[in-house]
């Protein structure tokens, strides 16, 4: 019933917008991928024998299918953007997780209140941009929950995609989906622009302390960009003093304690070297070392500031081998003592290499994607998939250690208490058929991982994904 009401309302809105809009575009995206077969072979810590799951099939992707319906309209100096996210069964996207995150309906560790209207809305985003002074000044406001939104101030890597840099708004834990801000694009400074704003949130009880100016002013978000036109080189930078927690995952109902502060630098060079596209970034984070009142083994209070560092470099080669395009990307993270957890220190590195070769005279191509991961920590606190939820919140879900490229669960984590070493290798060869507005792909994913602390976990997994994706 909720979906029907929404669709009727969306249709009325579209009709009304079409009457006065100078330009209107309705588009969408559909992903009906599935897994034809999958299996995990696991040797649990302390076990002598390998244990294999039954070969099975899965409907994918993990979001239970994706349908986007986008509406973009321009009327005079106003841009309006909205979309609907619904699953394959025309129900809420991504199981029970709402698209519009509202802390007022989040009941701590018990999850979202399914009885609340906002807990099941299919709206992915709804925001407005208003242009002033010959487009030298823009005002943004609304909800940007559909994905991490950065207004074009952060560029993705050429193999791994989205950067380990928090956006201006998004739907991840701690990253407010609401944003209101001002962007300047002065004609006198060609190639320069900057944006500054705040996560202006609904004023309900659970936001009361968060919205007090003594805390709210610290949540300011700032990004800037300069494009050097002569060499087509773009420099991006940004800072946010505080990144506030949301409710849930064992945290209290207070929103005035920052998970971390963040600053970043990035340079993008798509044509500086002939046949090579390059970009690199550095993400720097800081926070108080005390974790929910935890103390060190010795009883000392580590409330001093600690830091994390993430370095990324990527390249795409279009003339290295005739008919092929190759990508390579490396990401390295270093978490200083007590950043992830009291007395814990860790490093993490992932190297990814990809390639694709169109078959001449056809719409087919074949390619591959490979990733090699190595991580190490002082106390072996990594689980089978990554550091624990509480620790990941401080590192951010987007940055946390991950040895599980395929997203497969079920293995028993190795024990903690001694230094950990973690290794994983992943490969994905595929054949792809391209269409004018999409593609279908068939391949085989393979992954082996070895996680070692005071004991050892080994696991091998494979699956056969069939990707079917279209957009318009």
Protein backbone atom coordinates (compact mmCIF):
# COMPACT_ATOMS: atom_id res chain seq x y z
CA UNK A 1 0.00 0.00 0.00
CA UNK A 2 2.83 2.38 0.87
CA UNK A 3 4.49 1.71 -2.48
CA UNK A 4 1.23 2.29 -4.36
CA UNK A 5 0.66 5.60 -2.58
CA UNK A 6 4.18 6.66 -3.33
CA UNK A 7 3.96 5.76 -7.02
CA UNK A 8 0.70 7.68 -7.38
CA UNK A 9 2.29 10.67 -5.67
CA UNK A 10 5.38 10.40 -7.86
CA UNK A 11 3.22 10.30 -10.98
CA UNK A 12 1.38 13.44 -9.86
CA UNK A 13 4.66 15.15 -9.10
CA UNK A 14 6.05 14.20 -12.49
CA UNK A 15 2.96 15.58 -14.24
CA UNK A 16 3.11 18.81 -12.28
CA UNK A 17 6.81 19.22 -12.92
CA UNK A 18 6.41 18.56 -16.63
CA UNK A 19 3.98 21.49 -16.93
CA UNK A 20 6.44 24.11 -15.70
CA UNK A 21 9.85 22.51 -16.17
CA UNK A 22 12.19 23.76 -18.85
CA UNK A 23 13.72 20.30 -18.99
CA UNK A 24 12.70 16.98 -17.47
CA UNK A 25 14.31 13.57 -17.63
CA UNK A 26 13.02 10.27 -16.33
CA UNK A 27 15.51 7.43 -16.25
CA UNK A 28 16.35 4.32 -14.36
CA UNK A 29 18.66 1.42 -13.64
CA UNK A 30 17.90 -2.28 -13.26
CA UNK A 31 20.17 -5.02 -11.91
CA UNK A 32 18.76 -8.55 -12.09
CA UNK A 33 22.00 -10.39 -11.48
CA UNK A 34 22.06 -13.86 -9.94
CA UNK A 35 24.54 -16.51 -8.85
CA UNK A 36 24.20 -19.78 -10.76
CA UNK A 37 26.33 -21.75 -8.27
CA UNK A 38 28.42 -21.04 -5.17
CA UNK A 39 30.34 -23.00 -2.53
CA UNK A 40 32.63 -22.32 0.45
CA UNK A 41 35.27 -24.80 1.59
CA UNK A 42 36.44 -23.94 5.09
CA UNK A 43 39.04 -25.22 7.54
CA UNK A 44 38.00 -23.75 10.87
CA UNK A 45 40.57 -22.76 13.53
CA UNK A 46 41.80 -25.89 15.32
CA UNK A 47 40.08 -28.25 12.87
CA UNK A 48 41.93 -31.07 11.12
CA UNK A 49 39.54 -31.47 8.21
CA UNK A 50 38.11 -29.19 5.56
CA UNK A 51 34.36 -28.66 5.58
CA UNK A 52 32.47 -27.81 2.38
CA UNK A 53 29.03 -26.27 2.09
CA UNK A 54 26.49 -27.63 -0.36
CA UNK A 55 26.66 -26.11 -3.84
CA UNK A 56 23.79 -23.68 -4.16
CA UNK A 57 22.34 -20.85 -6.19
CA UNK A 58 21.55 -17.34 -5.05
CA UNK A 59 19.44 -14.50 -6.31
CA UNK A 60 21.64 -11.45 -6.39
CA UNK A 61 23.01 -8.98 -5.89
CA UNK A 62 23.01 -8.94 -2.10
CA UNK A 63 20.55 -6.04 -2.22
CA UNK A 64 17.90 -8.49 -3.51
CA UNK A 65 17.88 -6.92 -6.94
CA UNK A 66 17.94 -3.22 -7.71
CA UNK A 67 15.46 -0.98 -9.50
CA UNK A 68 16.15 2.76 -9.69
CA UNK A 69 13.55 5.16 -11.03
CA UNK A 70 15.09 8.63 -11.39
CA UNK A 71 13.41 11.99 -11.96
CA UNK A 72 15.53 15.03 -12.79
CA UNK A 73 13.83 18.34 -13.60
CA UNK A 74 15.04 21.89 -14.26
CA UNK A 75 12.74 24.88 -13.92
CA UNK A 76 14.33 28.31 -14.39
CA UNK A 77 17.23 28.37 -11.89
CA UNK A 78 16.16 25.31 -9.85
CA UNK A 79 17.24 21.68 -10.29
CA UNK A 80 15.17 18.96 -8.62
CA UNK A 81 16.38 15.37 -8.23
CA UNK A 82 14.70 12.34 -6.73
CA UNK A 83 14.68 8.59 -7.15
CA UNK A 84 12.97 5.45 -5.91
CA UNK A 85 14.89 2.32 -4.89
CA UNK A 86 12.90 -0.89 -4.80
CA UNK A 87 13.93 -4.53 -4.68
CA UNK A 88 13.25 -7.22 -7.25
CA UNK A 89 9.92 -8.00 -5.61
CA UNK A 90 8.90 -4.32 -5.69
CA UNK A 91 9.47 -4.15 -1.94
CA UNK A 92 11.98 -2.17 0.10
CA UNK A 93 15.50 -2.18 -1.30
CA UNK A 94 18.22 -4.05 0.59
CA UNK A 95 15.98 -6.16 2.83
CA UNK A 96 14.76 -4.14 5.84
CA UNK A 97 17.26 -1.29 5.63
CA UNK A 98 15.53 2.01 4.84
CA UNK A 99 16.70 4.22 2.03
CA UNK A 100 16.04 7.39 4.01
CA UNK A 101 17.99 6.97 7.24
CA UNK A 102 16.28 8.74 10.12
CA UNK A 103 17.72 8.32 13.58
CA UNK A 104 14.28 8.83 15.09
CA UNK A 105 13.24 5.34 13.94
CA UNK A 106 16.46 3.55 14.86
CA UNK A 107 16.13 1.55 18.08
CA UNK A 108 19.75 0.98 18.93
CA UNK A 109 20.97 -2.59 18.65
CA UNK A 110 17.41 -3.75 17.92
CA UNK A 111 17.58 -2.16 14.49
CA UNK A 112 14.97 -0.05 12.73
CA UNK A 113 11.40 0.27 13.91
CA UNK A 114 9.52 -1.37 11.05
CA UNK A 115 6.27 0.20 12.25
CA UNK A 116 7.58 3.71 11.60
CA UNK A 117 6.72 5.20 8.23
CA UNK A 118 10.28 6.31 7.53
CA UNK A 119 11.62 2.81 8.12
CA UNK A 120 10.36 1.44 4.81
CA UNK A 121 10.18 4.38 2.44
CA UNK A 122 11.45 3.54 -1.05
CA UNK A 123 12.75 7.10 -1.57
CA UNK A 124 16.48 6.99 -2.23
CA UNK A 125 17.07 10.73 -2.43
CA UNK A 126 15.21 14.01 -2.86
CA UNK A 127 17.14 17.26 -3.13
CA UNK A 128 17.14 20.68 -4.75
CA UNK A 129 19.92 22.85 -6.19
CA UNK A 130 19.23 26.56 -6.78
CA UNK A 131 21.52 28.64 -9.04
CA UNK A 132 22.27 32.35 -8.51
CA UNK A 133 24.49 35.11 -10.02
CA UNK A 134 24.92 33.48 -13.42
CA UNK A 135 25.61 30.12 -11.75
CA UNK A 136 28.47 31.48 -9.63
CA UNK A 137 26.55 30.57 -6.48
CA UNK A 138 24.57 27.40 -5.80
CA UNK A 139 22.48 26.37 -2.80
CA UNK A 140 21.91 22.65 -2.08
CA UNK A 141 19.46 21.17 0.38
CA UNK A 142 17.69 17.85 0.83
CA UNK A 143 18.34 14.18 1.36
CA UNK A 144 21.13 12.38 -0.50
CA UNK A 145 20.72 8.91 1.00
CA UNK A 146 20.97 6.87 -2.18
CA UNK A 147 24.78 6.72 -2.28
CA UNK A 148 27.76 8.56 -0.91
CA UNK A 149 27.32 12.03 -2.47
CA UNK A 150 30.30 14.34 -2.91
CA UNK A 151 29.09 16.80 -5.60
CA UNK A 152 31.96 15.83 -7.92
CA UNK A 153 34.75 16.71 -5.47
CA UNK A 154 36.07 13.15 -5.09
CA UNK A 155 37.05 10.96 -8.07
CA UNK A 156 36.97 7.16 -7.94
CA UNK A 157 39.87 4.82 -8.58
CA UNK A 158 40.30 3.12 -11.93
CA UNK A 159 39.89 -0.43 -10.57
CA UNK A 160 38.38 -0.35 -7.06
CA UNK A 161 35.97 2.50 -7.74
CA UNK A 162 34.77 4.65 -4.83
CA UNK A 163 37.47 6.17 -2.66
CA UNK A 164 37.96 5.63 1.05
CA UNK A 165 36.89 9.23 1.58
CA UNK A 166 33.61 10.14 3.24
CA UNK A 167 31.18 12.08 1.06
CA UNK A 168 29.21 15.19 1.88
CA UNK A 169 26.17 12.99 2.51
CA UNK A 170 25.28 9.31 2.29
CA UNK A 171 23.55 6.37 3.89
CA UNK A 172 26.44 4.78 5.81
CA UNK A 173 26.57 4.57 9.58
CA UNK A 174 27.49 8.00 10.93
CA UNK A 175 27.26 9.68 7.52
CA UNK A 176 24.17 11.89 7.58
CA UNK A 177 21.99 11.62 4.52
CA UNK A 178 20.76 15.20 4.96
CA UNK A 179 22.88 18.13 3.74
CA UNK A 180 22.42 21.85 3.21
CA UNK A 181 25.23 23.94 1.80
CA UNK A 182 26.51 26.68 -0.51
CA UNK A 183 28.80 26.19 -3.50
CA UNK A 184 30.79 28.99 -5.15
CA UNK A 185 32.11 28.85 -8.74
CA UNK A 186 33.61 32.31 -9.41
CA UNK A 187 34.08 33.21 -13.07
CA UNK A 188 37.17 35.22 -12.11
CA UNK A 189 38.91 32.00 -10.94
CA UNK A 190 38.50 29.63 -13.86
CA UNK A 191 38.57 26.00 -12.79
CA UNK A 192 37.99 26.73 -9.08
CA UNK A 193 34.98 25.80 -6.99
CA UNK A 194 34.24 25.11 -3.32
CA UNK A 195 31.32 23.88 -1.24
CA UNK A 196 30.57 24.20 2.49
CA UNK A 197 27.57 22.99 4.45
CA UNK A 198 26.06 21.09 7.35
CA UNK A 199 23.98 17.92 7.87
CA UNK A 200 20.78 19.83 8.56
CA UNK A 201 18.62 17.15 10.13
CA UNK A 202 14.94 16.76 11.11
CA UNK A 203 14.35 18.24 14.54
CA UNK A 204 13.04 15.30 16.52
CA UNK A 205 13.93 14.21 20.04
CA UNK A 206 16.86 12.04 18.96
CA UNK A 207 18.47 15.04 17.21
CA UNK A 208 18.08 17.53 20.03
CA UNK A 209 21.64 17.51 21.35
CA UNK A 210 23.10 16.97 17.91
CA UNK A 211 21.40 20.13 16.66
CA UNK A 212 22.73 22.35 19.45
CA UNK A 213 25.14 24.82 17.86
CA UNK A 214 27.97 23.92 20.26
CA UNK A 215 28.06 20.50 18.55
CA UNK A 216 26.42 21.31 15.24
CA UNK A 217 29.05 23.86 14.16
CA UNK A 218 31.74 21.16 14.48
CA UNK A 219 29.99 19.05 11.84
CA UNK A 220 30.71 21.56 9.05
CA UNK A 221 31.79 19.91 5.78
CA UNK A 222 34.08 21.67 3.31
CA UNK A 223 35.45 20.58 -0.08
CA UNK A 224 37.30 22.49 -2.77
CA UNK A 225 38.50 21.79 -6.30
CA UNK A 226 40.85 23.42 -8.77
CA UNK A 227 41.23 22.22 -12.33
CA UNK A 228 44.47 23.28 -14.04
CA UNK A 229 43.10 23.61 -17.56
CA UNK A 230 46.48 23.84 -19.30
CA UNK A 231 47.43 20.30 -18.30
CA UNK A 232 43.94 18.94 -17.44
CA UNK A 233 45.01 18.22 -13.85
CA UNK A 234 42.45 18.44 -11.03
CA UNK A 235 43.26 18.99 -7.35
CA UNK A 236 40.63 18.12 -4.73
CA UNK A 237 40.75 18.71 -0.97
CA UNK A 238 38.36 18.67 1.96
CA UNK A 239 38.02 18.67 5.73
CA UNK A 240 35.37 17.92 8.35
CA UNK A 241 36.33 18.44 12.02
CA UNK A 242 33.83 15.94 13.43
CA UNK A 243 32.10 12.87 12.06
CA UNK A 244 29.25 12.11 14.46
CA UNK A 245 27.97 8.68 15.33
CA UNK A 246 24.44 7.56 14.71
CA UNK A 247 22.46 5.45 17.12
CA UNK A 248 22.82 1.69 17.17
CA UNK A 249 25.46 -1.06 17.30
CA UNK A 250 25.83 -0.78 21.04
CA UNK A 251 26.25 2.98 21.16
CA UNK A 252 24.32 5.24 23.49
CA UNK A 253 21.54 7.54 22.39
CA UNK A 254 23.86 10.55 22.51
CA UNK A 255 25.05 11.96 19.20
CA UNK A 256 27.59 14.48 20.44
CA UNK A 257 30.67 12.23 20.45
CA UNK A 258 32.64 12.28 17.22
CA UNK A 259 33.76 9.07 15.56
CA UNK A 260 36.61 10.92 13.88
CA UNK A 261 37.70 14.05 12.06
CA UNK A 262 38.88 13.81 8.46
CA UNK A 263 40.91 15.69 5.86
CA UNK A 264 41.88 14.57 2.36
CA UNK A 265 43.91 15.54 -0.70
CA UNK A 266 43.53 14.17 -4.21
CA UNK A 267 45.05 14.77 -7.63
CA UNK A 268 43.55 13.47 -10.88
CA UNK A 269 45.63 13.40 -14.10
CA UNK A 270 43.60 11.81 -16.91
CA UNK A 271 45.78 13.03 -19.80
CA UNK A 272 49.10 14.22 -18.37
CA UNK A 273 50.83 11.11 -19.75
CA UNK A 274 49.77 9.84 -23.18
CA UNK A 275 47.81 6.61 -22.94
CA UNK A 276 47.76 6.64 -19.13
CA UNK A 277 45.09 7.98 -16.77
CA UNK A 278 46.32 8.57 -13.22
CA UNK A 279 44.92 9.61 -9.85
CA UNK A 280 46.08 9.50 -6.25
CA UNK A 281 44.63 10.44 -2.87
CA UNK A 282 45.54 10.69 0.80
CA UNK A 283 42.93 10.43 3.58
CA UNK A 284 43.90 11.46 7.12
CA UNK A 285 41.73 10.86 10.20
CA UNK A 286 42.00 11.65 13.88
CA UNK A 287 40.00 10.86 16.99
CA UNK A 288 40.29 10.46 20.74
CA UNK A 289 41.81 7.10 21.62
CA UNK A 290 39.35 6.29 24.42
CA UNK A 291 36.75 3.82 23.14
CA UNK A 292 33.49 3.98 25.11
CA UNK A 293 35.48 4.28 28.33
CA UNK A 294 37.70 1.28 27.60
CA UNK A 295 41.17 1.36 29.13
CA UNK A 296 44.43 -0.38 28.40
CA UNK A 297 45.44 -3.64 30.02
CA UNK A 298 47.69 -1.69 32.38
CA UNK A 299 44.79 0.45 33.50
CA UNK A 300 46.00 3.65 31.87
CA UNK A 301 43.43 5.95 30.27
CA UNK A 302 44.35 6.48 26.61
CA UNK A 303 42.32 9.57 25.87
CA UNK A 304 45.00 11.21 23.72
CA UNK A 305 44.43 11.76 20.00
CA UNK A 306 45.35 9.01 17.55
CA UNK A 307 45.40 8.88 13.75
CA UNK A 308 44.81 6.75 10.66
CA UNK A 309 46.28 7.22 7.18
CA UNK A 310 45.04 5.87 3.84
CA UNK A 311 47.03 6.22 0.61
CA UNK A 312 45.63 5.34 -2.83
CA UNK A 313 47.11 5.39 -6.32
CA UNK A 314 45.55 4.08 -9.53
CA UNK A 315 46.17 4.08 -13.27
CA UNK A 316 44.50 2.98 -16.48
CA UNK A 317 46.61 2.04 -19.51
CA UNK A 318 45.00 2.20 -22.96
CA UNK A 319 48.06 1.76 -25.22
CA UNK A 320 50.17 -0.74 -23.30
CA UNK A 321 48.99 -3.72 -25.39
CA UNK A 322 47.03 -3.23 -28.60
CA UNK A 323 43.32 -3.89 -28.13
CA UNK A 324 43.56 -4.08 -24.34
CA UNK A 325 42.88 -1.64 -21.52
CA UNK A 326 44.47 -2.38 -18.15
CA UNK A 327 43.90 -0.91 -14.72
CA UNK A 328 46.02 -1.10 -11.58
CA UNK A 329 45.29 0.32 -8.14
CA UNK A 330 46.88 0.09 -4.71
CA UNK A 331 45.41 1.16 -1.39
CA UNK A 332 47.36 1.18 1.86
CA UNK A 333 46.04 1.97 5.33
CA UNK A 334 47.90 2.42 8.61
CA UNK A 335 46.02 2.66 11.91
CA UNK A 336 48.17 4.12 14.68
CA UNK A 337 48.12 2.62 18.20
CA UNK A 338 44.66 2.76 19.83
CA UNK A 339 42.85 4.02 16.71
CA UNK A 340 40.91 0.80 16.03
CA UNK A 341 40.86 -0.34 19.63
CA UNK A 342 42.89 0.23 22.75
CA UNK A 343 46.36 -1.27 22.33
CA UNK A 344 45.69 -2.24 18.70
CA UNK A 345 47.81 -1.18 15.70
CA UNK A 346 47.22 -2.37 12.14
CA UNK A 347 48.20 -2.05 8.50
CA UNK A 348 46.20 -3.06 5.44
CA UNK A 349 47.05 -3.15 1.74
CA UNK A 350 45.10 -4.21 -1.33
CA UNK A 351 46.54 -4.36 -4.85
CA UNK A 352 44.04 -4.73 -7.71
CA UNK A 353 44.72 -5.38 -11.40
CA UNK A 354 42.09 -5.53 -14.15
CA UNK A 355 42.02 -5.86 -17.92
CA UNK A 356 39.47 -5.99 -20.73
CA UNK A 357 39.71 -6.77 -24.45
CA UNK A 358 36.81 -6.13 -26.85
CA UNK A 359 36.50 -8.80 -29.55
CA UNK A 360 36.94 -6.96 -32.83
CA UNK A 361 33.82 -6.70 -35.00
CA UNK A 362 31.49 -7.93 -32.25
CA UNK A 363 29.72 -6.59 -29.16
CA UNK A 364 31.55 -9.09 -26.94
CA UNK A 365 34.54 -8.62 -24.67
CA UNK A 366 36.48 -10.70 -22.18
CA UNK A 367 38.34 -9.49 -19.14
CA UNK A 368 39.49 -10.14 -15.61
CA UNK A 369 39.74 -8.56 -12.17
CA UNK A 370 42.25 -9.69 -9.55
CA UNK A 371 42.86 -8.45 -6.00
CA UNK A 372 45.59 -9.26 -3.51
CA UNK A 373 45.13 -8.30 0.14
CA UNK A 374 47.56 -8.35 3.08
CA UNK A 375 46.87 -7.11 6.61
CA UNK A 376 48.59 -7.27 9.96
CA UNK A 377 47.67 -6.16 13.46
CA UNK A 378 49.18 -6.29 16.94
CA UNK A 379 46.52 -8.24 18.83
CA UNK A 380 44.70 -10.38 16.28
CA UNK A 381 41.36 -8.63 16.65
CA UNK A 382 40.33 -9.15 13.02
CA UNK A 383 37.33 -11.43 12.46
CA UNK A 384 36.74 -13.53 9.38
CA UNK A 385 35.49 -10.54 7.41
CA UNK A 386 37.02 -7.51 9.12
CA UNK A 387 37.52 -5.84 12.46
CA UNK A 388 34.53 -5.97 14.81
CA UNK A 389 31.55 -3.66 14.36
CA UNK A 390 32.57 -1.31 17.14
CA UNK A 391 36.09 -1.04 15.78
CA UNK A 392 34.86 -0.64 12.21
CA UNK A 393 32.72 2.30 13.29
CA UNK A 394 35.83 4.16 14.38
CA UNK A 395 37.71 3.22 11.22
CA UNK A 396 34.52 3.75 9.18
CA UNK A 397 32.89 0.89 7.32
CA UNK A 398 34.34 2.25 4.10
CA UNK A 399 37.93 2.00 5.33
CA UNK A 400 37.95 -1.03 7.61
CA UNK A 401 40.04 -4.09 6.89
CA UNK A 402 38.23 -6.59 4.68
CA UNK A 403 39.57 -10.00 3.73
CA UNK A 404 36.29 -11.11 2.17
CA UNK A 405 36.04 -9.76 -1.37
CA UNK A 406 33.12 -12.00 -2.23
CA UNK A 407 31.01 -11.09 0.79
CA UNK A 408 30.67 -14.72 1.87
CA UNK A 409 29.95 -15.34 5.54
CA UNK A 410 29.87 -18.42 7.71
CA UNK A 411 33.50 -19.10 8.58
CA UNK A 412 34.54 -19.21 12.22
CA UNK A 413 36.86 -16.31 13.04
CA UNK A 414 40.37 -17.02 14.31
CA UNK A 415 41.02 -16.36 18.00
CA UNK A 416 42.41 -13.02 19.14
CA UNK A 417 45.12 -12.40 21.72
CA UNK A 418 48.25 -12.54 19.58
CA UNK A 419 49.51 -10.68 16.51
CA UNK A 420 47.46 -11.36 13.39
CA UNK A 421 48.48 -11.79 9.77
CA UNK A 422 45.83 -11.89 7.09
CA UNK A 423 46.14 -12.76 3.41
CA UNK A 424 43.56 -13.06 0.66
CA UNK A 425 43.68 -13.44 -3.12
CA UNK A 426 40.71 -13.03 -5.48
CA UNK A 427 40.27 -13.62 -9.23
CA UNK A 428 37.38 -13.01 -11.59
CA UNK A 429 37.69 -13.90 -15.31
CA UNK A 430 34.57 -13.14 -17.37
CA UNK A 431 32.96 -12.84 -20.80
CA UNK A 432 30.68 -9.88 -21.46
CA UNK A 433 28.03 -9.01 -24.05
CA UNK A 434 27.49 -5.25 -24.44
CA UNK A 435 24.24 -3.57 -25.40
CA UNK A 436 23.46 0.05 -26.20
CA UNK A 437 22.12 0.58 -22.67
CA UNK A 438 23.59 -2.23 -20.59
CA UNK A 439 25.44 -5.51 -20.57
CA UNK A 440 25.29 -9.12 -19.48
CA UNK A 441 28.33 -10.88 -18.05
CA UNK A 442 29.15 -14.48 -17.14
CA UNK A 443 32.25 -15.32 -15.13
CA UNK A 444 33.79 -17.30 -12.29
CA UNK A 445 34.85 -15.75 -8.97
CA UNK A 446 37.55 -17.50 -6.95
CA UNK A 447 38.93 -16.54 -3.55
CA UNK A 448 41.37 -18.00 -1.05
CA UNK A 449 42.03 -16.45 2.34
CA UNK A 450 44.37 -17.28 5.21
CA UNK A 451 43.81 -15.56 8.57
CA UNK A 452 46.32 -16.37 11.30
CA UNK A 453 46.49 -15.31 14.96
CA UNK A 454 46.98 -17.82 17.78
CA UNK A 455 45.31 -20.28 15.40
CA UNK A 456 44.52 -20.35 11.69
CA UNK A 457 41.45 -20.00 9.50
CA UNK A 458 41.68 -21.07 5.86
CA UNK A 459 38.86 -20.80 3.37
CA UNK A 460 38.36 -21.20 -0.37
CA UNK A 461 35.22 -20.04 -2.14
CA UNK A 462 33.96 -20.01 -5.70
CA UNK A 463 30.82 -18.87 -7.44
CA UNK A 464 29.45 -18.34 -10.94
CA UNK A 465 27.75 -14.93 -11.18
CA UNK A 466 25.48 -13.97 -14.06
CA UNK A 467 25.20 -10.20 -14.31
CA UNK A 468 22.29 -8.57 -16.14
CA UNK A 469 22.26 -4.76 -15.94
CA UNK A 470 20.43 -2.08 -17.92
CA UNK A 471 19.95 1.68 -17.67
CA UNK A 472 18.11 4.34 -19.61
